[in-house]
Amino acid sequence: MTEPWTAGAPPNQARLIDATALAACVVLGLMIAVGYHGPPRVLLAVLFATVIPGWAALPRLSVGHAAAWAALSVGLSLALVTTGAVTMVWLHIWNPTALFVVLAGASCARIGARLMQPTRAGSS
């Protein structure tokens, strides 16, 4: 397993981002479950929609630079969210909460699986 970028990133940086993304998914899910409405929920929803599904879906590739990897994550996230939303509208079953549940479940499962993998020898 390689780190997502090779430009001098610390060995556990990707794992830290995975853990942060997983925590953001869980916190946003709890906010939705308890019916909390406020600026933190909006910020987490924007973070989720623009970054987390793409981060979860992309394998850990060496693309040479962190900015390129971030751009791939954002692009894929927006594509996944848009595809889900358009599909729901076409099927006349628009439900943004259900879309979040599906994307968050898949993202949490993928990120959780990556976090459960053992680290390479020499990584701390």
Protein backbone atom coordinates (compact mmCIF):
# COMPACT_ATOMS: atom_id res chain seq x y z
CA MET A 1 0.00 0.00 0.00
CA THR A 2 1.47 3.33 -1.00
CA GLU A 3 0.71 6.71 0.49
CA PRO A 4 -1.51 8.95 -1.64
CA TRP A 5 1.31 11.30 -2.53
CA THR A 6 5.05 11.07 -2.47
CA ALA A 7 6.13 14.69 -2.03
CA GLY A 8 7.60 14.25 1.44
CA ALA A 9 4.36 13.39 3.25
CA PRO A 10 4.76 11.83 6.71
CA PRO A 11 3.96 8.09 6.72
CA ASN A 12 0.77 8.36 8.77
CA GLN A 13 -0.69 11.45 7.10
CA ALA A 14 -3.11 9.41 4.98
CA ARG A 15 -4.26 7.45 8.04
CA LEU A 16 -4.85 10.71 9.90
CA ILE A 17 -6.94 12.03 7.01
CA ASP A 18 -8.85 8.72 6.92
CA ALA A 19 -9.60 8.97 10.65
CA THR A 20 -10.69 12.61 10.30
CA ALA A 21 -12.96 11.79 7.35
CA LEU A 22 -14.49 8.88 9.25
CA ALA A 23 -15.11 11.10 12.29
CA ALA A 24 -16.72 13.78 10.08
CA CYS A 25 -19.08 11.16 8.59
CA VAL A 26 -20.08 9.90 12.02
CA VAL A 27 -20.59 13.38 13.50
CA LEU A 28 -22.66 14.50 10.51
CA GLY A 29 -24.72 11.33 10.72
CA LEU A 30 -25.39 11.97 14.41
CA MET A 31 -26.37 15.58 13.69
CA ILE A 32 -28.85 14.37 11.09
CA ALA A 33 -30.18 11.62 13.37
CA VAL A 34 -30.90 14.00 16.26
CA GLY A 35 -32.29 16.69 13.95
CA TYR A 36 -29.66 19.32 14.68
CA HIS A 37 -29.75 22.27 12.26
CA GLY A 38 -27.05 24.89 12.39
CA PRO A 39 -23.82 26.16 10.85
CA PRO A 40 -21.69 23.16 11.96
CA ARG A 41 -24.05 20.78 10.17
CA VAL A 42 -23.93 22.87 7.00
CA LEU A 43 -20.13 23.00 7.09
CA LEU A 44 -19.85 19.24 7.65
CA ALA A 45 -22.36 18.57 4.87
CA VAL A 46 -20.35 20.70 2.43
CA LEU A 47 -17.12 18.97 3.54
CA PHE A 48 -18.77 15.59 3.12
CA ALA A 49 -20.23 16.31 -0.32
CA THR A 50 -17.05 17.80 -1.73
CA VAL A 51 -14.34 15.56 -0.29
CA ILE A 52 -15.23 12.41 1.63
CA PRO A 53 -16.86 10.11 -0.97
CA GLY A 54 -14.00 10.77 -3.41
CA TRP A 55 -11.36 10.28 -0.72
CA ALA A 56 -12.97 6.98 0.22
CA ALA A 57 -13.42 5.75 -3.36
CA LEU A 58 -9.92 6.48 -4.63
CA PRO A 59 -7.28 3.91 -3.88
CA ARG A 60 -4.08 5.16 -2.37
CA LEU A 61 -2.26 6.20 -5.52
CA SER A 62 1.06 7.94 -5.88
CA VAL A 63 0.19 10.93 -8.00
CA GLY A 64 3.22 12.98 -7.09
CA HIS A 65 1.63 15.91 -5.28
CA ALA A 66 -0.93 16.38 -2.52
CA ALA A 67 -2.80 19.07 -4.49
CA ALA A 68 -3.36 16.68 -7.40
CA TRP A 69 -4.67 14.02 -5.05
CA ALA A 70 -7.00 16.52 -3.38
CA ALA A 71 -8.32 17.62 -6.78
CA LEU A 72 -9.03 14.00 -7.73
CA SER A 73 -10.90 13.49 -4.45
CA VAL A 74 -13.01 16.61 -4.91
CA GLY A 75 -13.81 15.84 -8.53
CA LEU A 76 -14.83 12.27 -7.79
CA SER A 77 -16.88 13.34 -4.75
CA LEU A 78 -18.83 15.89 -6.75
CA ALA A 79 -19.38 13.34 -9.52
CA LEU A 80 -20.69 10.72 -7.06
CA VAL A 81 -23.01 13.14 -5.27
CA THR A 82 -24.31 14.58 -8.55
CA THR A 83 -24.89 11.14 -10.06
CA GLY A 84 -26.81 10.03 -6.98
CA ALA A 85 -28.91 13.19 -6.89
CA VAL A 86 -29.75 13.13 -10.59
CA THR A 87 -30.65 9.45 -10.44
CA MET A 88 -33.00 10.06 -7.51
CA VAL A 89 -34.67 12.98 -9.32
CA TRP A 90 -35.14 10.94 -12.50
CA LEU A 91 -36.69 8.12 -10.49
CA HIS A 92 -38.94 10.59 -8.62
CA ILE A 93 -37.58 9.44 -5.27
CA TRP A 94 -35.67 12.56 -4.23
CA ASN A 95 -34.53 12.19 -0.63
CA PRO A 96 -31.25 13.93 0.30
CA THR A 97 -31.11 12.10 3.64
CA ALA A 98 -31.25 8.74 1.89
CA LEU A 99 -28.52 9.86 -0.51
CA PHE A 100 -26.36 10.84 2.47
CA VAL A 101 -27.00 7.50 4.19
CA VAL A 102 -25.95 5.55 1.09
CA LEU A 103 -22.84 7.65 0.39
CA ALA A 104 -21.83 7.88 4.06
CA GLY A 105 -22.32 4.15 4.59
CA ALA A 106 -20.17 3.29 1.60
CA SER A 107 -17.56 5.91 2.51
CA CYS A 108 -17.36 4.84 6.15
CA ALA A 109 -17.06 1.19 5.16
CA ARG A 110 -14.23 1.89 2.70
CA ILE A 111 -12.35 4.25 5.02
CA GLY A 112 -12.85 1.90 7.97
CA ALA A 113 -11.46 -0.99 5.94
CA ARG A 114 -8.38 1.06 5.06
CA LEU A 115 -7.87 2.01 8.70
CA MET A 116 -8.06 -1.65 9.73
CA GLN A 117 -5.24 -2.60 7.36
CA PRO A 118 -1.88 -2.95 9.08
CA THR A 119 0.65 -0.22 8.46
CA ARG A 120 3.82 -0.93 6.51
CA ALA A 121 6.96 -1.88 8.35
CA GLY A 122 8.80 1.25 9.33
CA SER A 123 5.66 3.40 9.45
CA SER A 124 4.76 4.80 12.81
